[in-house]
C-alpha atoms as a PDB file:
ATOM      1  CA  MET A   1       0.022   0.118  -0.020  1.00  0.00           C
ATOM      2  CA  LYS A   2       2.823   2.552   0.912  1.00  0.00           C
ATOM      3  CA  THR A   3       4.750   1.706  -2.440  1.00  0.00           C
ATOM      4  CA  LEU A   4       1.309   2.462  -4.277  1.00  0.00           C
ATOM      5  CA  ILE A   5       0.673   5.749  -2.528  1.00  0.00           C
ATOM      6  CA  TYR A   6       4.509   6.704  -3.114  1.00  0.00           C
ATOM      7  CA  THR A   7       4.008   5.836  -6.677  1.00  0.00           C
ATOM      8  CA  ILE A   8       0.928   7.935  -6.987  1.00  0.00           C
ATOM      9  CA  LEU A   9       2.559  10.922  -5.321  1.00  0.00           C
ATOM     10  CA  LEU A  10       5.580  10.706  -7.366  1.00  0.00           C
ATOM     11  CA  CYS A  11       3.382  10.828 -10.429  1.00  0.00           C
ATOM     12  CA  LEU A  12       1.525  13.675  -9.127  1.00  0.00           C
ATOM     13  CA  ALA A  13       4.666  15.581  -8.465  1.00  0.00           C
ATOM     14  CA  THR A  14       5.986  14.773 -11.826  1.00  0.00           C
ATOM     15  CA  PHE A  15       2.815  16.145 -13.543  1.00  0.00           C
ATOM     16  CA  THR A  16       2.719  19.302 -11.250  1.00  0.00           C
ATOM     17  CA  PHE A  17       6.423  20.392 -11.875  1.00  0.00           C
ATOM     18  CA  ALA A  18       6.842  18.996 -15.517  1.00  0.00           C
ATOM     19  CA  GLN A  19       7.888  22.135 -17.487  1.00  0.00           C
ATOM     20  CA  LYS A  20       6.494  22.921 -20.697  1.00  0.00           C
ATOM     21  CA  LYS A  21       9.156  23.243 -23.527  1.00  0.00           C
ATOM     22  CA  PRO A  22       9.816  26.997 -24.420  1.00  0.00           C
ATOM     23  CA  SER A  23       7.980  26.521 -27.918  1.00  0.00           C
ATOM     24  CA  GLU A  24       4.804  25.727 -26.050  1.00  0.00           C
ATOM     25  CA  TYR A  25       4.508  29.093 -24.549  1.00  0.00           C
ATOM     26  CA  PHE A  26       4.456  30.644 -28.123  1.00  0.00           C
ATOM     27  CA  PRO A  27       1.380  28.407 -29.700  1.00  0.00           C
ATOM     28  CA  ASN A  28       0.128  31.133 -32.344  1.00  0.00           C
ATOM     29  CA  PRO A  29       0.439  30.168 -35.946  1.00  0.00           C
ATOM     30  CA  LYS A  30       3.711  31.548 -37.516  1.00  0.00           C
ATOM     31  CA  THR A  31       4.417  33.103 -40.766  1.00  0.00           C
ATOM     32  CA  LYS A  32       6.526  30.904 -42.997  1.00  0.00           C
ATOM     33  CA  VAL A  33       9.688  32.189 -44.479  1.00  0.00           C
ATOM     34  CA  LEU A  34      12.195  31.049 -46.822  1.00  0.00           C
ATOM     35  CA  VAL A  35      15.515  32.980 -47.163  1.00  0.00           C
ATOM     36  CA  VAL A  36      17.374  32.471 -50.429  1.00  0.00           C
ATOM     37  CA  GLY A  37      20.890  33.643 -49.805  1.00  0.00           C
ATOM     38  CA  SER A  38      22.500  34.370 -53.337  1.00  0.00           C
ATOM     39  CA  PHE A  39      25.683  35.492 -54.737  1.00  0.00           C
ATOM     40  CA  HIS A  40      25.221  38.645 -56.853  1.00  0.00           C
ATOM     41  CA  PHE A  41      24.893  37.488 -60.441  1.00  0.00           C
ATOM     42  CA  ASP A  42      26.094  40.479 -62.157  1.00  0.00           C
ATOM     43  CA  TYR A  43      29.243  40.423 -59.958  1.00  0.00           C
ATOM     44  CA  PRO A  44      29.433  43.989 -58.744  1.00  0.00           C
ATOM     45  CA  ASN A  45      32.269  42.761 -56.522  1.00  0.00           C
ATOM     46  CA  LEU A  46      31.450  45.322 -53.739  1.00  0.00           C
ATOM     47  CA  ASP A  47      31.553  42.672 -51.024  1.00  0.00           C
ATOM     48  CA  ALA A  48      34.724  41.532 -49.053  1.00  0.00           C
ATOM     49  CA  HIS A  49      35.035  38.368 -51.273  1.00  0.00           C
ATOM     50  CA  LYS A  50      35.461  39.142 -54.721  1.00  0.00           C
ATOM     51  CA  THR A  51      35.151  36.606 -57.523  1.00  0.00           C
ATOM     52  CA  GLU A  52      37.901  36.435 -60.269  1.00  0.00           C
ATOM     53  CA  LYS A  53      36.828  37.093 -63.785  1.00  0.00           C
ATOM     54  CA  ASN A  54      37.663  33.414 -64.803  1.00  0.00           C
ATOM     55  CA  ASP A  55      35.496  32.238 -62.062  1.00  0.00           C
ATOM     56  CA  GLN A  56      32.432  34.022 -62.846  1.00  0.00           C
ATOM     57  CA  VAL A  57      29.467  32.466 -64.574  1.00  0.00           C
ATOM     58  CA  ASP A  58      27.122  34.207 -67.050  1.00  0.00           C
ATOM     59  CA  VAL A  59      23.630  33.598 -66.014  1.00  0.00           C
ATOM     60  CA  LEU A  60      22.421  34.491 -69.341  1.00  0.00           C
ATOM     61  CA  SER A  61      24.285  31.737 -71.198  1.00  0.00           C
ATOM     62  CA  PRO A  62      22.133  28.804 -72.484  1.00  0.00           C
ATOM     63  CA  LYS A  63      23.925  26.513 -69.967  1.00  0.00           C
ATOM     64  CA  THR A  64      23.639  28.539 -67.040  1.00  0.00           C
ATOM     65  CA  SER A  65      20.172  30.098 -67.985  1.00  0.00           C
ATOM     66  CA  GLN A  66      18.902  26.529 -67.673  1.00  0.00           C
ATOM     67  CA  GLU A  67      20.251  26.407 -64.283  1.00  0.00           C
ATOM     68  CA  VAL A  68      18.466  29.424 -63.168  1.00  0.00           C
ATOM     69  CA  THR A  69      15.243  27.920 -64.681  1.00  0.00           C
ATOM     70  CA  GLU A  70      15.764  25.018 -62.218  1.00  0.00           C
ATOM     71  CA  LEU A  71      16.622  26.999 -59.405  1.00  0.00           C
ATOM     72  CA  VAL A  72      13.457  29.320 -59.836  1.00  0.00           C
ATOM     73  CA  ASN A  73      11.140  26.140 -60.187  1.00  0.00           C
ATOM     74  CA  TYR A  74      12.688  24.798 -57.193  1.00  0.00           C
ATOM     75  CA  ILE A  75      12.097  27.929 -55.207  1.00  0.00           C
ATOM     76  CA  LYS A  76       8.441  28.130 -56.601  1.00  0.00           C
ATOM     77  CA  LYS A  77       7.835  25.025 -54.475  1.00  0.00           C
ATOM     78  CA  PHE A  78       7.595  27.299 -51.433  1.00  0.00           C
ATOM     79  CA  LYS A  79       4.516  28.902 -53.007  1.00  0.00           C
ATOM     80  CA  PRO A  80       5.249  32.443 -51.691  1.00  0.00           C
ATOM     81  CA  THR A  81       2.530  34.961 -51.142  1.00  0.00           C
ATOM     82  CA  LYS A  82       5.001  37.954 -50.496  1.00  0.00           C
ATOM     83  CA  ILE A  83       8.661  38.515 -51.838  1.00  0.00           C
ATOM     84  CA  ALA A  84      11.147  40.859 -50.102  1.00  0.00           C
ATOM     85  CA  ILE A  85      14.516  41.682 -51.959  1.00  0.00           C
ATOM     86  CA  GLU A  86      17.742  43.415 -51.091  1.00  0.00           C
ATOM     87  CA  ALA A  87      16.839  46.952 -52.322  1.00  0.00           C
ATOM     88  CA  PHE A  88      16.233  50.368 -51.353  1.00  0.00           C
ATOM     89  CA  PRO A  89      12.955  51.938 -51.916  1.00  0.00           C
ATOM     90  CA  SER A  90      14.723  54.141 -54.691  1.00  0.00           C
ATOM     91  CA  TRP A  91      15.315  51.224 -56.664  1.00  0.00           C
ATOM     92  CA  ASN A  92      11.761  51.280 -57.709  1.00  0.00           C
ATOM     93  CA  ALA A  93      11.257  47.700 -57.540  1.00  0.00           C
ATOM     94  CA  ASN A  94       7.414  47.466 -58.318  1.00  0.00           C
ATOM     95  CA  GLN A  95       8.020  49.696 -61.453  1.00  0.00           C
ATOM     96  CA  LYS A  96      10.726  47.480 -62.557  1.00  0.00           C
ATOM     97  CA  LEU A  97       8.378  44.375 -61.848  1.00  0.00           C
ATOM     98  CA  ASN A  98       5.896  45.828 -64.067  1.00  0.00           C
ATOM     99  CA  GLU A  99       8.111  46.309 -66.729  1.00  0.00           C
ATOM    100  CA  TYR A 100       9.514  42.975 -66.575  1.00  0.00           C
ATOM    101  CA  LYS A 101       5.990  41.476 -66.730  1.00  0.00           C
ATOM    102  CA  GLU A 102       6.023  43.538 -70.116  1.00  0.00           C
ATOM    103  CA  GLY A 103       8.858  41.707 -71.311  1.00  0.00           C
ATOM    104  CA  LYS A 104      11.450  44.252 -70.399  1.00  0.00           C
ATOM    105  CA  HIS A 105      14.772  43.615 -68.115  1.00  0.00           C
ATOM    106  CA  THR A 106      14.865  39.924 -69.207  1.00  0.00           C
ATOM    107  CA  ASN A 107      18.610  40.671 -70.094  1.00  0.00           C
ATOM    108  CA  LYS A 108      19.586  41.711 -66.754  1.00  0.00           C
ATOM    109  CA  ARG A 109      21.723  39.512 -64.923  1.00  0.00           C
ATOM    110  CA  ASP A 110      21.006  40.761 -61.325  1.00  0.00           C
ATOM    111  CA  GLU A 111      19.473  38.089 -59.040  1.00  0.00           C
ATOM    112  CA  ARG A 112      16.588  40.407 -58.283  1.00  0.00           C
ATOM    113  CA  TYR A 113      15.632  40.187 -61.843  1.00  0.00           C
ATOM    114  CA  GLN A 114      16.592  36.566 -62.442  1.00  0.00           C
ATOM    115  CA  ILE A 115      15.191  35.157 -59.235  1.00  0.00           C
ATOM    116  CA  ALA A 116      12.807  37.547 -57.587  1.00  0.00           C
ATOM    117  CA  MET A 117      11.061  39.072 -60.333  1.00  0.00           C
ATOM    118  CA  ARG A 118      10.760  36.040 -62.266  1.00  0.00           C
ATOM    119  CA  THR A 119       9.300  33.978 -59.420  1.00  0.00           C
ATOM    120  CA  ALA A 120       6.923  36.877 -58.831  1.00  0.00           C
ATOM    121  CA  LYS A 121       5.807  36.702 -62.552  1.00  0.00           C
ATOM    122  CA  GLU A 122       5.400  33.160 -62.461  1.00  0.00           C
ATOM    123  CA  CYS A 123       3.626  32.870 -59.082  1.00  0.00           C
ATOM    124  CA  ASN A 124       1.045  35.994 -60.099  1.00  0.00           C
ATOM    125  CA  LEU A 125       2.563  38.270 -57.498  1.00  0.00           C
ATOM    126  CA  ASN A 126       2.262  42.078 -58.304  1.00  0.00           C
ATOM    127  CA  GLU A 127       4.534  43.518 -55.599  1.00  0.00           C
ATOM    128  CA  LEU A 128       8.027  43.256 -54.398  1.00  0.00           C
ATOM    129  CA  TYR A 129       9.012  44.646 -50.996  1.00  0.00           C
ATOM    130  CA  SER A 130      12.375  46.545 -50.787  1.00  0.00           C
ATOM    131  CA  ILE A 131      13.888  45.613 -47.357  1.00  0.00           C
ATOM    132  CA  ASP A 132      17.563  47.152 -47.624  1.00  0.00           C
ATOM    133  CA  ALA A 133      18.575  49.830 -45.020  1.00  0.00           C
ATOM    134  CA  GLU A 134      21.538  51.886 -44.125  1.00  0.00           C
ATOM    135  CA  SER A 135      23.029  51.328 -40.736  1.00  0.00           C
ATOM    136  CA  VAL A 136      22.912  53.470 -37.720  1.00  0.00           C
ATOM    137  CA  LEU A 137      26.815  54.200 -38.620  1.00  0.00           C
ATOM    138  CA  ASP A 138      25.675  55.645 -41.882  1.00  0.00           C
ATOM    139  CA  ASP A 139      23.039  57.621 -39.939  1.00  0.00           C
ATOM    140  CA  LEU A 140      25.330  59.008 -37.535  1.00  0.00           C
ATOM    141  CA  GLN A 141      28.094  59.981 -40.158  1.00  0.00           C
ATOM    142  CA  GLU A 142      25.784  61.228 -42.770  1.00  0.00           C
ATOM    143  CA  ARG A 143      22.404  62.184 -41.452  1.00  0.00           C
ATOM    144  CA  PHE A 144      23.827  63.772 -38.435  1.00  0.00           C
ATOM    145  CA  GLY A 145      26.781  65.170 -40.077  1.00  0.00           C
ATOM    146  CA  LYS A 146      29.519  63.342 -38.209  1.00  0.00           C
ATOM    147  CA  THR A 147      31.686  62.575 -41.327  1.00  0.00           C
ATOM    148  CA  ASP A 148      34.531  64.598 -39.821  1.00  0.00           C
ATOM    149  CA  SER A 149      34.522  62.972 -36.555  1.00  0.00           C
ATOM    150  CA  LEU A 150      37.662  61.903 -35.192  1.00  0.00           C
ATOM    151  CA  TYR A 151      36.080  59.178 -33.047  1.00  0.00           C
ATOM    152  CA  PHE A 152      34.539  57.577 -36.184  1.00  0.00           C
ATOM    153  CA  LYS A 153      37.584  57.990 -38.295  1.00  0.00           C
ATOM    154  CA  ASN A 154      39.439  56.080 -35.582  1.00  0.00           C
ATOM    155  CA  LEU A 155      36.904  53.428 -35.148  1.00  0.00           C
ATOM    156  CA  SER A 156      36.939  52.551 -38.771  1.00  0.00           C
ATOM    157  CA  ALA A 157      40.579  52.947 -39.417  1.00  0.00           C
ATOM    158  CA  ASP A 158      41.893  49.433 -40.977  1.00  0.00           C
ATOM    159  CA  TYR A 159      38.449  47.918 -40.949  1.00  0.00           C
ATOM    160  CA  ASP A 160      38.685  46.682 -44.526  1.00  0.00           C
ATOM    161  CA  PHE A 161      38.072  42.925 -44.442  1.00  0.00           C
ATOM    162  CA  LEU A 162      41.859  42.410 -45.493  1.00  0.00           C
ATOM    163  CA  SER A 163      43.274  40.619 -42.545  1.00  0.00           C
ATOM    164  CA  GLY A 164      46.241  38.174 -42.994  1.00  0.00           C
ATOM    165  CA  ASP A 165      45.698  35.987 -39.846  1.00  0.00           C
ATOM    166  CA  VAL A 166      45.543  32.355 -40.125  1.00  0.00           C
ATOM    167  CA  ILE A 167      41.699  32.225 -39.851  1.00  0.00           C
ATOM    168  CA  SER A 168      41.079  34.760 -42.280  1.00  0.00           C
ATOM    169  CA  LYS A 169      43.159  32.919 -44.852  1.00  0.00           C
ATOM    170  CA  GLN A 170      41.252  29.829 -44.067  1.00  0.00           C
ATOM    171  CA  TYR A 171      38.075  31.811 -44.997  1.00  0.00           C
ATOM    172  CA  ASN A 172      39.559  33.023 -48.266  1.00  0.00           C
ATOM    173  CA  SER A 173      39.638  29.226 -49.342  1.00  0.00           C
ATOM    174  CA  PHE A 174      36.307  28.658 -47.878  1.00  0.00           C
ATOM    175  CA  PHE A 175      34.717  31.223 -49.823  1.00  0.00           C
ATOM    176  CA  LYS A 176      36.718  30.692 -53.011  1.00  0.00           C
ATOM    177  CA  SER A 177      35.418  26.810 -52.757  1.00  0.00           C
ATOM    178  CA  THR A 178      31.817  28.194 -53.008  1.00  0.00           C
ATOM    179  CA  GLU A 179      32.251  29.232 -56.738  1.00  0.00           C
ATOM    180  CA  PRO A 180      29.734  28.056 -59.150  1.00  0.00           C
ATOM    181  CA  LYS A 181      32.448  26.079 -61.027  1.00  0.00           C
ATOM    182  CA  ASN A 182      32.685  23.747 -58.130  1.00  0.00           C
ATOM    183  CA  PHE A 183      29.057  22.571 -58.356  1.00  0.00           C
ATOM    184  CA  LYS A 184      27.058  20.736 -60.878  1.00  0.00           C
ATOM    185  CA  SER A 185      24.329  23.185 -60.906  1.00  0.00           C
ATOM    186  CA  LEU A 186      23.199  26.441 -59.396  1.00  0.00           C
ATOM    187  CA  LEU A 187      20.647  24.639 -57.362  1.00  0.00           C
ATOM    188  CA  GLU A 188      23.207  22.355 -55.938  1.00  0.00           C
ATOM    189  CA  MET A 189      25.424  25.307 -55.129  1.00  0.00           C
ATOM    190  CA  PHE A 190      22.405  27.152 -53.633  1.00  0.00           C
ATOM    191  CA  LYS A 191      21.469  24.206 -51.408  1.00  0.00           C
ATOM    192  CA  PHE A 192      24.966  24.023 -50.177  1.00  0.00           C
ATOM    193  CA  MET A 193      25.545  27.888 -49.372  1.00  0.00           C
ATOM    194  CA  ASN A 194      22.056  28.138 -47.512  1.00  0.00           C
ATOM    195  CA  SER A 195      22.604  25.095 -45.374  1.00  0.00           C
ATOM    196  CA  LYS A 196      22.608  25.693 -41.500  1.00  0.00           C
ATOM    197  CA  GLU A 197      26.448  24.727 -41.403  1.00  0.00           C
ATOM    198  CA  TYR A 198      27.479  27.007 -44.203  1.00  0.00           C
ATOM    199  CA  HIS A 199      25.569  29.968 -42.724  1.00  0.00           C
ATOM    200  CA  GLN A 200      27.067  29.380 -39.327  1.00  0.00           C
ATOM    201  CA  TYR A 201      30.672  29.515 -40.508  1.00  0.00           C
ATOM    202  CA  GLU A 202      29.857  32.287 -42.941  1.00  0.00           C
ATOM    203  CA  TYR A 203      28.691  34.390 -39.962  1.00  0.00           C
ATOM    204  CA  GLY A 204      31.801  33.369 -38.186  1.00  0.00           C
ATOM    205  CA  ALA A 205      33.912  35.145 -40.763  1.00  0.00           C
ATOM    206  CA  TYR A 206      32.595  38.420 -39.192  1.00  0.00           C
ATOM    207  CA  LEU A 207      33.723  37.510 -35.894  1.00  0.00           C
ATOM    208  CA  ASN A 208      37.453  37.085 -36.785  1.00  0.00           C
ATOM    209  CA  GLY A 209      40.050  39.228 -38.654  1.00  0.00           C
ATOM    210  CA  ASP A 210      38.916  43.036 -38.402  1.00  0.00           C
ATOM    211  CA  PHE A 211      36.752  42.075 -35.405  1.00  0.00           C
ATOM    212  CA  LYS A 212      39.752  41.869 -33.337  1.00  0.00           C
ATOM    213  CA  LEU A 213      40.792  45.378 -34.308  1.00  0.00           C
ATOM    214  CA  ARG A 214      42.357  47.271 -31.155  1.00  0.00           C
ATOM    215  CA  GLU A 215      40.386  46.431 -27.883  1.00  0.00           C
ATOM    216  CA  HIS A 216      36.574  46.786 -28.791  1.00  0.00           C
ATOM    217  CA  TYR A 217      36.723  48.832 -32.166  1.00  0.00           C
ATOM    218  CA  GLY A 218      36.316  45.864 -34.392  1.00  0.00           C
ATOM    219  CA  ALA A 219      33.494  44.754 -32.209  1.00  0.00           C
ATOM    220  CA  ASP A 220      31.863  48.195 -32.313  1.00  0.00           C
ATOM    221  CA  MET A 221      32.137  48.376 -36.118  1.00  0.00           C
ATOM    222  CA  LEU A 222      30.441  45.049 -36.417  1.00  0.00           C
ATOM    223  CA  ALA A 223      27.445  46.205 -34.277  1.00  0.00           C
ATOM    224  CA  LEU A 224      27.236  49.823 -35.628  1.00  0.00           C
ATOM    225  CA  TYR A 225      27.476  48.738 -39.279  1.00  0.00           C
ATOM    226  CA  TRP A 226      26.910  45.262 -40.343  1.00  0.00           C
ATOM    227  CA  TYR A 227      24.813  43.710 -37.566  1.00  0.00           C
ATOM    228  CA  ASN A 228      22.581  46.846 -37.357  1.00  0.00           C
ATOM    229  CA  ARG A 229      22.111  47.081 -41.025  1.00  0.00           C
ATOM    230  CA  ASN A 230      20.625  43.465 -40.724  1.00  0.00           C
ATOM    231  CA  LEU A 231      18.540  44.070 -37.825  1.00  0.00           C
ATOM    232  CA  ARG A 232      17.066  47.021 -39.877  1.00  0.00           C
ATOM    233  CA  MET A 233      16.403  44.731 -42.732  1.00  0.00           C
ATOM    234  CA  PHE A 234      14.756  42.272 -40.459  1.00  0.00           C
ATOM    235  CA  ARG A 235      12.681  44.987 -39.049  1.00  0.00           C
ATOM    236  CA  ASN A 236      11.473  45.976 -42.648  1.00  0.00           C
ATOM    237  CA  ILE A 237      10.359  42.338 -43.102  1.00  0.00           C
ATOM    238  CA  GLN A 238       8.338  42.202 -39.806  1.00  0.00           C
ATOM    239  CA  ASN A 239       6.652  45.507 -41.445  1.00  0.00           C
ATOM    240  CA  ILE A 240       5.406  43.689 -44.506  1.00  0.00           C
ATOM    241  CA  PRO A 241       1.832  43.086 -43.969  1.00  0.00           C
ATOM    242  CA  HIS A 242       1.610  39.271 -43.234  1.00  0.00           C
ATOM    243  CA  ASN A 243      -0.446  36.733 -41.278  1.00  0.00           C
ATOM    244  CA  SER A 244      -0.058  32.848 -40.689  1.00  0.00           C
ATOM    245  CA  GLU A 245      -1.400  32.202 -44.245  1.00  0.00           C
ATOM    246  CA  ASP A 246       1.433  34.199 -45.731  1.00  0.00           C
ATOM    247  CA  ARG A 247       4.765  32.689 -47.057  1.00  0.00           C
ATOM    248  CA  ILE A 248       7.455  35.191 -47.433  1.00  0.00           C
ATOM    249  CA  LEU A 249      10.354  34.558 -49.767  1.00  0.00           C
ATOM    250  CA  VAL A 250      13.308  36.779 -49.085  1.00  0.00           C
ATOM    251  CA  VAL A 251      16.150  37.209 -51.555  1.00  0.00           C
ATOM    252  CA  VAL A 252      19.269  38.606 -50.325  1.00  0.00           C
ATOM    253  CA  GLY A 253      23.006  38.377 -50.610  1.00  0.00           C
ATOM    254  CA  ASN A 254      24.194  35.250 -48.637  1.00  0.00           C
ATOM    255  CA  GLY A 255      26.136  37.253 -46.149  1.00  0.00           C
ATOM    256  CA  HIS A 256      22.746  38.815 -44.908  1.00  0.00           C
ATOM    257  CA  ALA A 257      21.069  35.361 -45.042  1.00  0.00           C
ATOM    258  CA  SER A 258      23.563  34.077 -42.322  1.00  0.00           C
ATOM    259  CA  VAL A 259      22.553  36.896 -40.149  1.00  0.00           C
ATOM    260  CA  LEU A 260      18.803  36.644 -40.947  1.00  0.00           C
ATOM    261  CA  ARG A 261      18.740  32.948 -40.120  1.00  0.00           C
ATOM    262  CA  GLN A 262      19.730  33.835 -36.588  1.00  0.00           C
ATOM    263  CA  LEU A 263      16.989  36.374 -36.173  1.00  0.00           C
ATOM    264  CA  PHE A 264      14.168  34.346 -37.946  1.00  0.00           C
ATOM    265  CA  THR A 265      14.890  31.162 -35.991  1.00  0.00           C
ATOM    266  CA  SER A 266      14.913  33.040 -32.758  1.00  0.00           C
ATOM    267  CA  SER A 267      11.513  34.850 -33.514  1.00  0.00           C
ATOM    268  CA  PRO A 268       8.217  33.326 -32.134  1.00  0.00           C
ATOM    269  CA  GLU A 269       6.739  35.212 -35.151  1.00  0.00           C
ATOM    270  CA  PHE A 270       8.263  33.288 -38.206  1.00  0.00           C
ATOM    271  CA  ASP A 271       8.675  29.705 -38.918  1.00  0.00           C
ATOM    272  CA  TYR A 272      12.014  29.459 -40.921  1.00  0.00           C
ATOM    273  CA  ILE A 273      12.029  27.105 -43.842  1.00  0.00           C
ATOM    274  CA  GLU A 274      15.116  25.407 -44.635  1.00  0.00           C
ATOM    275  CA  PHE A 275      16.052  25.768 -48.152  1.00  0.00           C
ATOM    276  CA  ASP A 276      16.989  22.140 -48.959  1.00  0.00           C
ATOM    277  CA  SER A 277      13.606  21.055 -47.392  1.00  0.00           C
ATOM    278  CA  LEU A 278      11.434  22.026 -50.321  1.00  0.00           C
ATOM    279  CA  LYS A 279       9.272  19.133 -51.907  1.00  0.00           C
END
């Protein structure tokens, strides 16, 4: 009898004190989001990693154009209801989208045309959301007239992504290995570069090299410039009218995607869809 009573009390205690999973406190339906981190198809080479001419691919060539079609057809499996792109409002994305639907701009290599606009057209969507943003550092220097500030000049001195330490050299090899020529197709490449492990190490690139400048200068630059810019982009996505029935496609440079992954997977508002999980 004592054993039975003890067992009942133990079960009651377990039931009483069992803690719910953190996710169980946020039961509301979430908006699905697919982040497509891309290299820049027109190779402006404005990023830290620059692609040499002989490693570049022409997305308008017959072979690569076919691979773009395969990539877009794969992305369409997500069935997006909204599409966000790395662009400022001044880029006039929706005017360009209307023109694209009329047959213009099809010869533009930019991924905003080749991926975002093509997907929008083929999914019968009439609007693109421009989510790019300047950073708080840009605001402080330009909007508030601090371009001559000695503090900001000292802060940004030598912050040029040209570090020669061991890990930075490893990153050079890492990024060079992700050139299109090393994959059977663009789709295979996109699945690789949008994987959780790739994004984890890609974001790690910002935590080495110039991040270690002086005591805190590198860390402050990362916070004020790069990380802040991505936080603002995430906030712009939050501002897109959406509900639990929406499926938001986000097309950005893959450096942004590595940060956005962290933000989306931490937010109880969104359900982050892994790129390689589309059926």
